[in-house]
C-alpha cells in the first residue's frame, strides 16, 4: 500500500522530465534552424562584399571570442543575442572560402554537394539517436582526444604542403563531427544538456565543421 504514492510520484517526475527534455529539444532545433539561416545570410553578404582570407581569419577569431560570451550568457536573455552574433560572424567567415569555390569551374556544384552531404549526415544521425534513444555519452572521451589531435594536425599542416595529409585530416574531421552529432543529440535527450542555447551552439559547430570539411574533401577529390 505504501508503494503506490512512491510509484505515482516517480511516474509524475519522469513525465515532467520527459516534457522538459522535449522542450529543450524543440527549442534547440528551432534556434538551430534560425541561426543556420542567419549564417547563410551573413555568408552571402560577405561573398558579395568580397572580403579577403585575412578578414575571414579575423572573423573566425572574433567568433571564438563570442563563443565564450555565449557560454557566459546562455542562462539569460542576452544569450539569444550572443548566439546570433556568434553564428553571424562564423557565417561571414565562410565568405572567402565560398568565393574561392564559386570561382572554380564546378565550384558551385561542389558547394551544393557539401551542403547536401551535411544535411543527409545530420538528419540521418539525429533521426537514429531520436528513434533508438541510445546513449552515446561513452564517446565523450574519444571525441575529445580526437578533437585535440585534429587541432594539432591542422596547425601543423599550416606550415607544410601535404595534400594527402590534408585530405586525410578532412576525412577524419568528417567522422569526428559525425560522432559529435551523435554525442550532442544524445546528451539532449538523456538530460545531459538542459540549456537549449548551449545545445544549439554545440550542434551548430558540428554542422559548421562537417560542412567545411566535406567541402574541402570534395574539392581535393575533384582536383
N, C-alpha and C. Protein backbone atom coordinates (compact mmCIF):
# COMPACT_ATOMS: atom_id res chain seq x y z
N UNK A 1 0.82 -1.20 0.00
CA UNK A 1 0.00 0.00 0.00
C UNK A 1 0.86 1.26 0.00
N UNK A 2 1.97 1.21 0.71
CA UNK A 2 2.80 2.40 0.83
C UNK A 2 3.58 2.70 -0.44
N UNK A 3 3.68 1.70 -1.32
CA UNK A 3 4.50 1.90 -2.52
C UNK A 3 3.76 2.68 -3.60
N UNK A 4 2.44 2.68 -3.55
CA UNK A 4 1.67 3.33 -4.61
C UNK A 4 1.97 4.81 -4.74
N UNK A 5 1.99 5.59 -3.66
CA UNK A 5 2.34 7.02 -3.78
C UNK A 5 3.74 7.22 -4.31
N UNK A 6 4.67 6.33 -3.89
CA UNK A 6 6.05 6.45 -4.38
C UNK A 6 6.11 6.23 -5.87
N UNK A 7 5.41 5.19 -6.33
CA UNK A 7 5.39 4.89 -7.77
C UNK A 7 4.73 6.02 -8.54
N UNK A 8 3.64 6.53 -8.00
CA UNK A 8 2.93 7.63 -8.67
C UNK A 8 3.81 8.87 -8.75
N UNK A 9 4.52 9.15 -7.66
CA UNK A 9 5.42 10.31 -7.65
C UNK A 9 6.54 10.14 -8.66
N UNK A 10 7.09 8.93 -8.70
CA UNK A 10 8.18 8.65 -9.65
C UNK A 10 7.70 8.79 -11.09
N UNK A 11 6.49 8.29 -11.36
CA UNK A 11 5.92 8.39 -12.71
C UNK A 11 5.69 9.85 -13.11
N UNK A 12 5.17 10.63 -12.17
CA UNK A 12 4.93 12.05 -12.43
C UNK A 12 6.24 12.79 -12.69
N UNK A 13 7.27 12.44 -11.90
CA UNK A 13 8.57 13.08 -12.08
C UNK A 13 9.16 12.72 -13.44
N UNK A 14 9.01 11.45 -13.82
CA UNK A 14 9.52 11.01 -15.12
C UNK A 14 8.80 11.73 -16.26
N UNK A 15 7.48 11.91 -16.08
CA UNK A 15 6.70 12.59 -17.11
C UNK A 15 7.15 14.05 -17.25
N UNK A 16 7.36 14.71 -16.08
CA UNK A 16 7.84 16.10 -16.12
C UNK A 16 9.21 16.19 -16.75
N UNK A 17 10.08 15.20 -16.43
CA UNK A 17 11.41 15.19 -17.03
C UNK A 17 11.35 15.03 -18.53
N UNK A 18 10.44 14.16 -19.00
CA UNK A 18 10.28 13.96 -20.44
C UNK A 18 9.78 15.21 -21.14
N UNK A 19 8.87 15.93 -20.49
CA UNK A 19 8.35 17.17 -21.05
C UNK A 19 9.44 18.21 -21.17
N UNK A 20 10.27 18.31 -20.12
CA UNK A 20 11.37 19.28 -20.14
C UNK A 20 12.38 18.95 -21.24
N UNK A 21 12.70 17.68 -21.39
CA UNK A 21 13.65 17.26 -22.43
C UNK A 21 13.10 17.59 -23.82
N UNK A 22 11.81 17.30 -24.02
CA UNK A 22 11.20 17.60 -25.32
C UNK A 22 11.18 19.10 -25.59
N UNK A 23 11.00 19.88 -24.53
CA UNK A 23 11.01 21.34 -24.68
C UNK A 23 12.40 21.83 -25.08
N UNK A 24 13.43 21.30 -24.43
CA UNK A 24 14.80 21.68 -24.77
C UNK A 24 15.12 21.27 -26.21
N UNK A 25 14.68 20.07 -26.59
CA UNK A 25 14.94 19.57 -27.93
C UNK A 25 14.24 20.43 -28.98
N UNK A 26 12.99 20.77 -28.72
CA UNK A 26 12.23 21.60 -29.66
C UNK A 26 12.85 22.99 -29.80
N UNK A 27 13.19 23.61 -28.68
CA UNK A 27 13.80 24.94 -28.72
C UNK A 27 15.17 24.91 -29.40
N UNK A 28 15.91 23.83 -29.16
CA UNK A 28 17.24 23.70 -29.78
C UNK A 28 17.13 23.66 -31.29
N UNK A 29 16.27 22.81 -31.81
CA UNK A 29 16.15 22.69 -33.26
C UNK A 29 15.57 23.95 -33.89
N UNK A 30 14.67 24.62 -33.18
CA UNK A 30 14.12 25.87 -33.70
C UNK A 30 15.20 26.94 -33.80
N UNK A 31 15.98 27.08 -32.72
CA UNK A 31 17.05 28.09 -32.71
C UNK A 31 18.16 27.70 -33.68
N UNK A 32 18.44 26.41 -33.80
CA UNK A 32 19.47 25.95 -34.73
C UNK A 32 19.09 26.30 -36.16
N UNK A 33 17.83 26.07 -36.52
CA UNK A 33 17.39 26.40 -37.87
C UNK A 33 17.52 27.89 -38.16
N UNK A 34 17.15 28.73 -37.19
CA UNK A 34 17.24 30.18 -37.39
C UNK A 34 18.69 30.65 -37.50
N UNK A 35 19.57 30.08 -36.68
CA UNK A 35 20.97 30.50 -36.72
C UNK A 35 21.66 30.04 -38.01
N UNK A 36 21.27 28.87 -38.50
CA UNK A 36 21.84 28.41 -39.77
C UNK A 36 21.42 29.31 -40.92
N UNK A 37 20.16 29.72 -40.92
CA UNK A 37 19.69 30.64 -41.95
C UNK A 37 20.39 31.98 -41.84
N UNK A 38 20.59 32.45 -40.61
CA UNK A 38 21.28 33.72 -40.39
C UNK A 38 22.73 33.62 -40.86
N UNK A 39 23.38 32.50 -40.59
CA UNK A 39 24.75 32.29 -41.05
C UNK A 39 24.83 32.30 -42.57
N UNK A 40 23.84 31.66 -43.21
CA UNK A 40 23.82 31.64 -44.67
C UNK A 40 23.68 33.07 -45.22
N UNK A 41 22.86 33.88 -44.53
CA UNK A 41 22.67 35.26 -44.97
C UNK A 41 23.96 36.08 -44.82
N UNK A 42 24.64 35.94 -43.68
CA UNK A 42 25.88 36.70 -43.48
C UNK A 42 26.99 36.19 -44.39
N UNK A 43 26.97 34.90 -44.70
CA UNK A 43 27.95 34.36 -45.65
C UNK A 43 27.72 34.97 -47.03
N UNK A 44 26.44 35.11 -47.41
CA UNK A 44 26.11 35.74 -48.69
C UNK A 44 26.55 37.19 -48.75
N UNK A 45 26.37 37.91 -47.65
CA UNK A 45 26.81 39.31 -47.59
C UNK A 45 28.32 39.39 -47.72
N UNK A 46 29.04 38.51 -47.01
CA UNK A 46 30.50 38.51 -47.06
C UNK A 46 31.00 38.18 -48.47
N UNK A 47 30.29 37.28 -49.16
CA UNK A 47 30.66 36.95 -50.53
C UNK A 47 30.45 38.15 -51.45
N UNK A 48 29.33 38.82 -51.26
CA UNK A 48 29.02 39.99 -52.09
C UNK A 48 30.03 41.11 -51.87
N UNK A 49 30.49 41.26 -50.63
CA UNK A 49 31.48 42.29 -50.32
C UNK A 49 32.88 41.88 -50.75
N UNK A 50 33.07 40.60 -51.02
CA UNK A 50 34.37 40.11 -51.47
C UNK A 50 35.47 40.23 -50.42
N UNK A 51 35.15 39.94 -49.16
CA UNK A 51 36.16 40.05 -48.11
C UNK A 51 37.28 39.02 -48.34
N UNK A 52 38.48 39.37 -47.93
CA UNK A 52 39.64 38.51 -48.17
C UNK A 52 39.81 37.43 -47.12
N UNK A 53 40.80 36.57 -47.36
CA UNK A 53 41.06 35.46 -46.43
C UNK A 53 41.50 35.95 -45.06
N UNK A 54 42.30 37.02 -45.04
CA UNK A 54 42.75 37.54 -43.75
C UNK A 54 41.58 38.04 -42.91
N UNK A 55 40.65 38.72 -43.59
CA UNK A 55 39.45 39.19 -42.89
C UNK A 55 38.63 38.01 -42.39
N UNK A 56 38.57 36.96 -43.21
CA UNK A 56 37.86 35.75 -42.79
C UNK A 56 38.49 35.13 -41.57
N UNK A 57 39.83 35.14 -41.51
CA UNK A 57 40.53 34.59 -40.36
C UNK A 57 40.25 35.43 -39.11
N UNK A 58 40.26 36.75 -39.28
CA UNK A 58 39.96 37.63 -38.15
C UNK A 58 38.54 37.39 -37.64
N UNK A 59 37.59 37.22 -38.56
CA UNK A 59 36.21 36.95 -38.17
C UNK A 59 36.09 35.63 -37.42
N UNK A 60 36.87 34.64 -37.84
CA UNK A 60 36.86 33.35 -37.13
C UNK A 60 37.35 33.52 -35.70
N UNK A 61 38.42 34.30 -35.52
CA UNK A 61 38.94 34.55 -34.18
C UNK A 61 37.93 35.31 -33.33
N UNK A 62 37.25 36.28 -33.96
CA UNK A 62 36.19 37.01 -33.26
C UNK A 62 35.08 36.04 -32.83
N UNK A 63 34.78 35.10 -33.73
CA UNK A 63 33.76 34.10 -33.42
C UNK A 63 34.13 33.27 -32.20
N UNK A 64 35.39 32.87 -32.12
CA UNK A 64 35.84 32.11 -30.95
C UNK A 64 35.69 32.94 -29.67
N UNK A 65 35.96 34.25 -29.78
CA UNK A 65 35.77 35.12 -28.62
C UNK A 65 34.31 35.21 -28.22
N UNK A 66 33.43 35.30 -29.22
CA UNK A 66 31.99 35.36 -28.94
C UNK A 66 31.47 34.05 -28.35
N UNK A 67 32.18 32.96 -28.63
CA UNK A 67 31.77 31.67 -28.08
C UNK A 67 31.81 31.69 -26.56
N UNK A 68 32.81 32.36 -26.00
CA UNK A 68 32.90 32.50 -24.55
C UNK A 68 31.76 33.37 -24.02
N UNK A 69 31.40 34.40 -24.80
CA UNK A 69 30.29 35.26 -24.40
C UNK A 69 28.98 34.46 -24.36
N UNK A 70 28.80 33.61 -25.37
CA UNK A 70 27.59 32.77 -25.41
C UNK A 70 27.50 31.89 -24.18
N UNK A 71 28.60 31.25 -23.84
CA UNK A 71 28.59 30.35 -22.68
C UNK A 71 28.31 31.09 -21.38
N UNK A 72 28.78 32.34 -21.28
CA UNK A 72 28.58 33.11 -20.05
C UNK A 72 27.15 33.65 -19.95
N UNK A 73 26.50 33.87 -21.08
CA UNK A 73 25.16 34.48 -21.07
C UNK A 73 24.05 33.49 -21.44
N UNK A 74 24.41 32.21 -21.54
CA UNK A 74 23.45 31.21 -22.02
C UNK A 74 22.23 31.06 -21.11
N UNK A 75 22.36 31.44 -19.84
CA UNK A 75 21.26 31.30 -18.89
C UNK A 75 20.42 32.56 -18.78
N UNK A 76 20.66 33.52 -19.66
CA UNK A 76 19.89 34.76 -19.64
C UNK A 76 19.39 35.09 -21.04
N UNK A 77 18.56 36.12 -21.14
CA UNK A 77 18.02 36.53 -22.44
C UNK A 77 19.13 37.04 -23.37
N UNK A 78 20.21 37.55 -22.79
CA UNK A 78 21.32 38.03 -23.61
C UNK A 78 21.96 36.90 -24.41
N UNK A 79 21.75 35.67 -23.97
CA UNK A 79 22.32 34.52 -24.68
C UNK A 79 21.80 34.40 -26.10
N UNK A 80 20.54 34.79 -26.32
CA UNK A 80 19.97 34.72 -27.67
C UNK A 80 20.70 35.67 -28.61
N UNK A 81 20.93 36.90 -28.15
CA UNK A 81 21.67 37.88 -28.96
C UNK A 81 23.10 37.41 -29.20
N UNK A 82 23.70 36.84 -28.16
CA UNK A 82 25.09 36.37 -28.28
C UNK A 82 25.20 35.24 -29.28
N UNK A 83 24.24 34.32 -29.29
CA UNK A 83 24.33 33.18 -30.20
C UNK A 83 24.13 33.63 -31.65
N UNK A 84 23.28 34.64 -31.87
CA UNK A 84 23.11 35.15 -33.24
C UNK A 84 24.35 35.93 -33.67
N UNK A 85 24.97 36.65 -32.75
CA UNK A 85 26.21 37.36 -33.07
C UNK A 85 27.30 36.35 -33.44
N UNK A 86 27.40 35.28 -32.65
CA UNK A 86 28.41 34.25 -32.90
C UNK A 86 28.21 33.56 -34.25
N UNK A 87 26.99 33.10 -34.51
CA UNK A 87 26.73 32.38 -35.76
C UNK A 87 26.79 33.31 -36.97
N UNK A 88 26.43 34.58 -36.76
CA UNK A 88 26.53 35.53 -37.87
C UNK A 88 27.96 35.77 -38.28
N UNK A 89 28.84 35.94 -37.29
CA UNK A 89 30.25 36.15 -37.56
C UNK A 89 30.87 34.91 -38.20
N UNK A 90 30.52 33.73 -37.69
CA UNK A 90 31.06 32.49 -38.26
C UNK A 90 30.58 32.29 -39.70
N UNK A 91 29.35 32.68 -39.97
CA UNK A 91 28.85 32.59 -41.33
C UNK A 91 29.61 33.53 -42.26
N UNK A 92 29.85 34.76 -41.80
CA UNK A 92 30.60 35.72 -42.61
C UNK A 92 32.02 35.23 -42.87
N UNK A 93 32.60 34.50 -41.91
CA UNK A 93 33.96 33.99 -42.07
C UNK A 93 34.06 32.98 -43.21
N UNK A 94 32.93 32.41 -43.61
CA UNK A 94 32.93 31.45 -44.72
C UNK A 94 32.98 32.15 -46.09
N UNK A 95 32.74 33.46 -46.11
CA UNK A 95 32.68 34.19 -47.37
C UNK A 95 33.87 33.95 -48.29
N UNK A 96 35.11 34.15 -47.82
CA UNK A 96 36.28 33.95 -48.70
C UNK A 96 36.39 32.51 -49.21
N UNK A 97 36.07 31.53 -48.36
CA UNK A 97 36.16 30.13 -48.78
C UNK A 97 35.14 29.84 -49.88
N UNK A 98 33.92 30.29 -49.67
CA UNK A 98 32.87 30.06 -50.66
C UNK A 98 33.16 30.78 -51.96
N UNK A 99 33.70 32.00 -51.88
CA UNK A 99 34.07 32.72 -53.10
C UNK A 99 35.16 31.99 -53.88
N UNK A 100 36.08 31.37 -53.15
CA UNK A 100 37.14 30.58 -53.80
C UNK A 100 36.53 29.44 -54.62
N UNK A 101 35.57 28.74 -54.03
CA UNK A 101 34.97 27.61 -54.74
C UNK A 101 34.04 28.06 -55.86
N UNK A 102 33.36 29.17 -55.64
CA UNK A 102 32.48 29.70 -56.70
C UNK A 102 33.29 30.05 -57.94
N UNK A 103 34.55 30.46 -57.73
CA UNK A 103 35.40 30.82 -58.86
C UNK A 103 35.91 29.64 -59.66
N UNK A 104 35.74 28.42 -59.14
CA UNK A 104 36.17 27.23 -59.86
C UNK A 104 35.12 26.82 -60.88
N UNK A 105 35.54 25.99 -61.84
CA UNK A 105 34.64 25.58 -62.91
C UNK A 105 33.40 24.86 -62.37
N UNK A 106 33.62 23.91 -61.47
CA UNK A 106 32.50 23.17 -60.89
C UNK A 106 32.33 23.48 -59.41
N UNK A 107 32.80 24.66 -59.02
CA UNK A 107 32.74 25.05 -57.61
C UNK A 107 31.34 25.09 -57.03
N UNK A 108 30.38 25.75 -57.71
CA UNK A 108 29.01 25.78 -57.18
C UNK A 108 28.43 24.39 -56.96
N UNK A 109 28.77 23.47 -57.86
CA UNK A 109 28.30 22.09 -57.70
C UNK A 109 28.91 21.44 -56.45
N UNK A 110 30.20 21.71 -56.21
CA UNK A 110 30.86 21.17 -55.03
C UNK A 110 30.22 21.71 -53.75
N UNK A 111 29.87 22.99 -53.76
CA UNK A 111 29.23 23.60 -52.58
C UNK A 111 27.89 22.95 -52.31
N UNK A 112 27.11 22.73 -53.36
CA UNK A 112 25.81 22.10 -53.20
C UNK A 112 25.95 20.66 -52.73
N UNK A 113 26.97 19.96 -53.23
CA UNK A 113 27.21 18.58 -52.78
C UNK A 113 27.58 18.55 -51.30
N UNK A 114 28.41 19.51 -50.89
CA UNK A 114 28.80 19.58 -49.48
C UNK A 114 27.59 19.90 -48.60
N UNK A 115 26.74 20.83 -49.05
CA UNK A 115 25.53 21.16 -48.31
C UNK A 115 24.60 19.95 -48.21
N UNK A 116 24.41 19.28 -49.34
CA UNK A 116 23.55 18.10 -49.36
C UNK A 116 24.09 17.00 -48.47
N UNK A 117 25.40 16.76 -48.55
CA UNK A 117 26.02 15.73 -47.72
C UNK A 117 25.90 16.04 -46.24
N UNK A 118 26.10 17.31 -45.89
CA UNK A 118 25.97 17.73 -44.49
C UNK A 118 24.55 17.51 -43.99
N UNK A 119 23.57 17.89 -44.80
CA UNK A 119 22.18 17.72 -44.39
C UNK A 119 21.83 16.24 -44.21
N UNK A 120 22.29 15.40 -45.14
CA UNK A 120 21.99 13.97 -45.06
C UNK A 120 22.60 13.35 -43.80
N UNK A 121 23.87 13.67 -43.54
CA UNK A 121 24.55 13.12 -42.37
C UNK A 121 23.87 13.58 -41.08
N UNK A 122 23.58 14.88 -41.00
CA UNK A 122 22.98 15.42 -39.77
C UNK A 122 21.61 14.81 -39.51
N UNK A 123 20.74 14.82 -40.51
CA UNK A 123 19.39 14.31 -40.30
C UNK A 123 19.37 12.80 -40.06
N UNK A 124 20.24 12.07 -40.74
CA UNK A 124 20.28 10.62 -40.56
C UNK A 124 20.75 10.25 -39.16
N UNK A 125 21.83 10.90 -38.70
CA UNK A 125 22.36 10.59 -37.38
C UNK A 125 21.42 11.06 -36.27
N UNK A 126 20.84 12.24 -36.45
CA UNK A 126 19.89 12.76 -35.46
C UNK A 126 18.67 11.85 -35.36
N UNK A 127 18.16 11.43 -36.51
CA UNK A 127 16.99 10.54 -36.53
C UNK A 127 17.31 9.21 -35.85
N UNK A 128 18.53 8.72 -36.05
CA UNK A 128 18.93 7.46 -35.42
C UNK A 128 18.91 7.57 -33.90
N UNK A 129 19.49 8.66 -33.38
CA UNK A 129 19.52 8.85 -31.93
C UNK A 129 18.12 9.05 -31.37
N UNK A 130 17.32 9.87 -32.04
CA UNK A 130 15.97 10.16 -31.56
C UNK A 130 15.07 8.93 -31.61
N UNK A 131 15.33 8.05 -32.58
CA UNK A 131 14.50 6.85 -32.73
C UNK A 131 14.91 5.76 -31.75
N UNK A 132 16.20 5.50 -31.67
CA UNK A 132 16.68 4.41 -30.82
C UNK A 132 16.82 4.82 -29.36
N UNK A 133 16.94 6.13 -29.11
CA UNK A 133 17.17 6.68 -27.75
C UNK A 133 18.45 6.12 -27.14
N UNK A 134 19.39 5.73 -27.97
CA UNK A 134 20.64 5.16 -27.48
C UNK A 134 21.49 6.25 -26.84
N UNK A 135 22.19 5.89 -25.77
CA UNK A 135 23.03 6.83 -25.05
C UNK A 135 24.47 6.74 -25.58
N UNK A 136 24.94 7.85 -26.18
CA UNK A 136 26.29 7.89 -26.74
C UNK A 136 27.26 8.67 -25.86
N UNK A 137 26.93 8.81 -24.59
CA UNK A 137 27.79 9.58 -23.69
C UNK A 137 29.17 8.93 -23.53
N UNK A 138 29.25 7.62 -23.77
CA UNK A 138 30.53 6.93 -23.64
C UNK A 138 31.57 7.41 -24.66
N UNK A 139 31.10 8.11 -25.71
CA UNK A 139 32.01 8.56 -26.75
C UNK A 139 32.73 9.85 -26.40
N UNK A 140 32.34 10.49 -25.29
CA UNK A 140 32.87 11.80 -24.96
C UNK A 140 34.39 11.86 -24.90
N UNK A 141 35.01 10.92 -24.21
CA UNK A 141 36.46 10.92 -24.07
C UNK A 141 37.17 10.73 -25.40
N UNK A 142 36.68 9.79 -26.21
CA UNK A 142 37.30 9.52 -27.50
C UNK A 142 37.18 10.74 -28.42
N UNK A 143 36.02 11.38 -28.40
CA UNK A 143 35.81 12.54 -29.26
C UNK A 143 36.69 13.71 -28.84
N UNK A 144 36.86 13.90 -27.53
CA UNK A 144 37.71 14.99 -27.05
C UNK A 144 39.16 14.78 -27.49
N UNK A 145 39.64 13.56 -27.35
CA UNK A 145 41.01 13.25 -27.79
C UNK A 145 41.14 13.46 -29.29
N UNK A 146 40.13 13.01 -30.05
CA UNK A 146 40.15 13.20 -31.50
C UNK A 146 40.17 14.66 -31.89
N UNK A 147 39.45 15.48 -31.12
CA UNK A 147 39.41 16.92 -31.40
C UNK A 147 40.79 17.55 -31.17
N UNK A 148 41.45 17.15 -30.11
CA UNK A 148 42.79 17.67 -29.84
C UNK A 148 43.77 17.26 -30.94
N UNK A 149 43.70 16.00 -31.36
CA UNK A 149 44.57 15.51 -32.44
C UNK A 149 44.31 16.29 -33.73
N UNK A 150 43.04 16.51 -34.05
CA UNK A 150 42.69 17.24 -35.28
C UNK A 150 43.18 18.67 -35.21
N UNK A 151 43.08 19.30 -34.04
CA UNK A 151 43.54 20.68 -33.88
C UNK A 151 45.05 20.77 -34.06
N UNK A 152 45.79 19.86 -33.45
CA UNK A 152 47.25 19.86 -33.58
C UNK A 152 47.65 19.60 -35.03
N UNK A 153 46.98 18.65 -35.68
CA UNK A 153 47.28 18.34 -37.08
C UNK A 153 46.97 19.53 -37.98
N UNK A 154 45.89 20.23 -37.71
CA UNK A 154 45.53 21.40 -38.51
C UNK A 154 46.59 22.49 -38.42
N UNK A 155 47.09 22.72 -37.20
CA UNK A 155 48.13 23.73 -37.01
C UNK A 155 49.41 23.30 -37.73
N UNK A 156 49.77 22.01 -37.63
CA UNK A 156 50.98 21.51 -38.26
C UNK A 156 50.91 21.64 -39.78
N UNK A 157 49.74 21.36 -40.35
CA UNK A 157 49.60 21.40 -41.81
C UNK A 157 49.57 22.82 -42.36
N UNK A 158 49.47 23.81 -41.47
CA UNK A 158 49.56 25.20 -41.92
C UNK A 158 50.97 25.53 -42.39
N UNK A 159 51.96 24.75 -41.94
CA UNK A 159 53.36 25.02 -42.27
C UNK A 159 53.92 24.03 -43.28
N UNK A 160 53.12 23.04 -43.68
CA UNK A 160 53.59 22.03 -44.63
C UNK A 160 52.54 21.83 -45.71
N UNK A 161 53.03 21.67 -46.94
CA UNK A 161 52.12 21.39 -48.05
C UNK A 161 52.09 19.88 -48.26
N UNK A 162 51.05 19.25 -47.74
CA UNK A 162 50.91 17.80 -47.84
C UNK A 162 49.47 17.48 -48.20
N UNK A 163 49.13 17.49 -49.49
CA UNK A 163 47.74 17.27 -49.92
C UNK A 163 47.12 15.98 -49.38
N UNK A 164 47.91 14.90 -49.38
CA UNK A 164 47.36 13.62 -48.90
C UNK A 164 47.01 13.72 -47.41
N UNK A 165 47.88 14.37 -46.64
CA UNK A 165 47.63 14.52 -45.21
C UNK A 165 46.43 15.44 -44.97
N UNK A 166 46.29 16.48 -45.79
CA UNK A 166 45.15 17.39 -45.66
C UNK A 166 43.85 16.68 -45.98
N UNK A 167 43.89 15.80 -46.98
CA UNK A 167 42.69 15.04 -47.33
C UNK A 167 42.32 14.08 -46.20
N UNK A 168 43.35 13.43 -45.64
CA UNK A 168 43.10 12.51 -44.53
C UNK A 168 42.54 13.25 -43.33
N UNK A 169 43.06 14.45 -43.06
CA UNK A 169 42.57 15.25 -41.94
C UNK A 169 41.11 15.64 -42.16
N UNK A 170 40.78 16.09 -43.37
CA UNK A 170 39.39 16.47 -43.66
C UNK A 170 38.45 15.27 -43.48
N UNK A 171 38.89 14.12 -43.96
CA UNK A 171 38.08 12.91 -43.78
C UNK A 171 37.92 12.56 -42.31
N UNK A 172 39.00 12.72 -41.55
CA UNK A 172 38.93 12.44 -40.12
C UNK A 172 37.99 13.39 -39.39
N UNK A 173 37.99 14.66 -39.79
CA UNK A 173 37.10 15.64 -39.15
C UNK A 173 35.65 15.34 -39.49
N UNK A 174 35.39 14.86 -40.71
CA UNK A 174 34.02 14.47 -41.08
C UNK A 174 33.53 13.37 -40.14
N UNK A 175 34.37 12.36 -39.90
CA UNK A 175 33.99 11.28 -38.99
C UNK A 175 33.85 11.80 -37.56
N UNK A 176 34.75 12.69 -37.17
CA UNK A 176 34.73 13.24 -35.82
C UNK A 176 33.45 14.03 -35.57
N UNK A 177 33.08 14.89 -36.52
CA UNK A 177 31.86 15.68 -36.35
C UNK A 177 30.61 14.81 -36.39
N UNK A 178 30.66 13.73 -37.15
CA UNK A 178 29.53 12.79 -37.15
C UNK A 178 29.37 12.18 -35.76
N UNK A 179 30.50 11.85 -35.13
CA UNK A 179 30.44 11.34 -33.77
C UNK A 179 29.91 12.38 -32.79
N UNK A 180 30.29 13.62 -32.98
CA UNK A 180 29.81 14.69 -32.10
C UNK A 180 28.31 14.92 -32.26
N UNK A 181 27.78 14.74 -33.47
CA UNK A 181 26.33 14.87 -33.67
C UNK A 181 25.60 13.82 -32.85
N UNK A 182 26.11 12.58 -32.89
CA UNK A 182 25.51 11.51 -32.08
C UNK A 182 25.61 11.85 -30.60
N UNK A 183 26.77 12.29 -30.18
CA UNK A 183 27.04 12.58 -28.77
C UNK A 183 26.19 13.74 -28.26
N UNK A 184 26.18 14.85 -29.01
CA UNK A 184 25.46 16.05 -28.55
C UNK A 184 23.94 15.84 -28.55
N UNK A 185 23.43 15.14 -29.57
CA UNK A 185 21.99 14.85 -29.60
C UNK A 185 21.61 13.93 -28.45
N UNK A 186 22.46 12.94 -28.20
CA UNK A 186 22.22 12.01 -27.09
C UNK A 186 22.20 12.74 -25.75
N UNK A 187 23.08 13.71 -25.57
CA UNK A 187 23.12 14.46 -24.32
C UNK A 187 21.81 15.22 -24.09
N UNK A 188 21.21 15.71 -25.15
CA UNK A 188 19.95 16.45 -25.01
C UNK A 188 18.83 15.52 -24.57
N UNK A 189 18.68 14.40 -25.27
CA UNK A 189 17.52 13.53 -25.00
C UNK A 189 17.67 12.74 -23.70
N UNK A 190 18.89 12.68 -23.17
CA UNK A 190 19.09 11.98 -21.90
C UNK A 190 19.31 12.94 -20.73
N UNK A 191 19.05 14.23 -20.97
CA UNK A 191 19.11 15.21 -19.90
C UNK A 191 20.49 15.68 -19.53
N UNK A 192 21.50 15.33 -20.34
CA UNK A 192 22.86 15.79 -20.04
C UNK A 192 23.08 17.25 -20.37
N UNK A 193 22.26 17.80 -21.28
CA UNK A 193 22.32 19.21 -21.63
C UNK A 193 20.91 19.76 -21.52
N UNK A 194 20.69 20.66 -20.58
CA UNK A 194 19.36 21.20 -20.34
C UNK A 194 19.21 22.65 -20.80
N UNK A 195 20.28 23.22 -21.34
CA UNK A 195 20.23 24.60 -21.82
C UNK A 195 20.21 24.58 -23.35
N UNK A 196 19.11 25.05 -23.94
CA UNK A 196 18.97 24.92 -25.38
C UNK A 196 19.91 25.84 -26.16
N UNK A 197 20.39 26.90 -25.53
CA UNK A 197 21.34 27.78 -26.22
C UNK A 197 22.68 27.08 -26.37
N UNK A 198 23.15 26.47 -25.29
CA UNK A 198 24.41 25.72 -25.37
C UNK A 198 24.26 24.52 -26.30
N UNK A 199 23.11 23.87 -26.26
CA UNK A 199 22.87 22.73 -27.14
C UNK A 199 22.89 23.17 -28.60
N UNK A 200 22.31 24.33 -28.88
CA UNK A 200 22.29 24.86 -30.25
C UNK A 200 23.70 25.14 -30.75
N UNK A 201 24.52 25.76 -29.90
CA UNK A 201 25.89 26.08 -30.30
C UNK A 201 26.69 24.81 -30.58
N UNK A 202 26.50 23.79 -29.75
CA UNK A 202 27.21 22.52 -29.96
C UNK A 202 26.86 21.91 -31.31
N UNK A 203 25.57 21.82 -31.61
CA UNK A 203 25.15 21.24 -32.88
C UNK A 203 25.53 22.13 -34.06
N UNK A 204 25.48 23.45 -33.86
CA UNK A 204 25.88 24.37 -34.92
C UNK A 204 27.34 24.15 -35.30
N UNK A 205 28.21 24.02 -34.31
CA UNK A 205 29.63 23.80 -34.58
C UNK A 205 29.86 22.45 -35.25
N UNK A 206 29.07 21.44 -34.86
CA UNK A 206 29.17 20.14 -35.52
C UNK A 206 28.86 20.27 -37.01
N UNK A 207 27.77 20.96 -37.31
CA UNK A 207 27.34 21.13 -38.71
C UNK A 207 28.33 22.01 -39.47
N UNK A 208 28.78 23.07 -38.85
CA UNK A 208 29.72 24.02 -39.48
C UNK A 208 31.00 23.30 -39.89
N UNK A 209 31.60 22.57 -38.96
CA UNK A 209 32.85 21.87 -39.24
C UNK A 209 32.65 20.70 -40.20
N UNK A 210 31.50 20.06 -40.11
CA UNK A 210 31.18 18.98 -41.04
C UNK A 210 31.09 19.52 -42.47
N UNK A 211 30.42 20.65 -42.64
CA UNK A 211 30.28 21.25 -43.97
C UNK A 211 31.62 21.68 -44.55
N UNK A 212 32.41 22.41 -43.77
CA UNK A 212 33.70 22.90 -44.29
C UNK A 212 34.65 21.75 -44.61
N UNK A 213 34.63 20.69 -43.80
CA UNK A 213 35.50 19.54 -44.06
C UNK A 213 35.03 18.75 -45.28
N UNK A 214 33.72 18.60 -45.42
CA UNK A 214 33.20 17.93 -46.62
C UNK A 214 33.54 18.72 -47.87
N UNK A 215 33.42 20.03 -47.79
CA UNK A 215 33.73 20.88 -48.94
C UNK A 215 35.20 20.75 -49.31
N UNK A 216 36.08 20.78 -48.30
CA UNK A 216 37.50 20.62 -48.56
C UNK A 216 37.81 19.25 -49.14
N UNK A 217 37.16 18.23 -48.61
CA UNK A 217 37.38 16.87 -49.07
C UNK A 217 36.92 16.70 -50.52
N UNK A 218 35.76 17.24 -50.84
CA UNK A 218 35.24 17.16 -52.21
C UNK A 218 36.13 17.95 -53.17
N UNK A 219 36.61 19.12 -52.70
CA UNK A 219 37.47 19.93 -53.54
C UNK A 219 38.77 19.23 -53.85
N UNK A 220 39.38 18.60 -52.86
CA UNK A 220 40.63 17.87 -53.09
C UNK A 220 40.42 16.63 -53.93
N UNK A 221 39.29 15.95 -53.73
CA UNK A 221 39.00 14.77 -54.54
C UNK A 221 38.79 15.17 -55.99
N UNK A 222 38.15 16.32 -56.20
CA UNK A 222 37.93 16.81 -57.56
C UNK A 222 39.23 17.14 -58.25
N UNK A 223 40.17 17.74 -57.48
CA UNK A 223 41.49 18.04 -58.05
C UNK A 223 42.24 16.76 -58.43
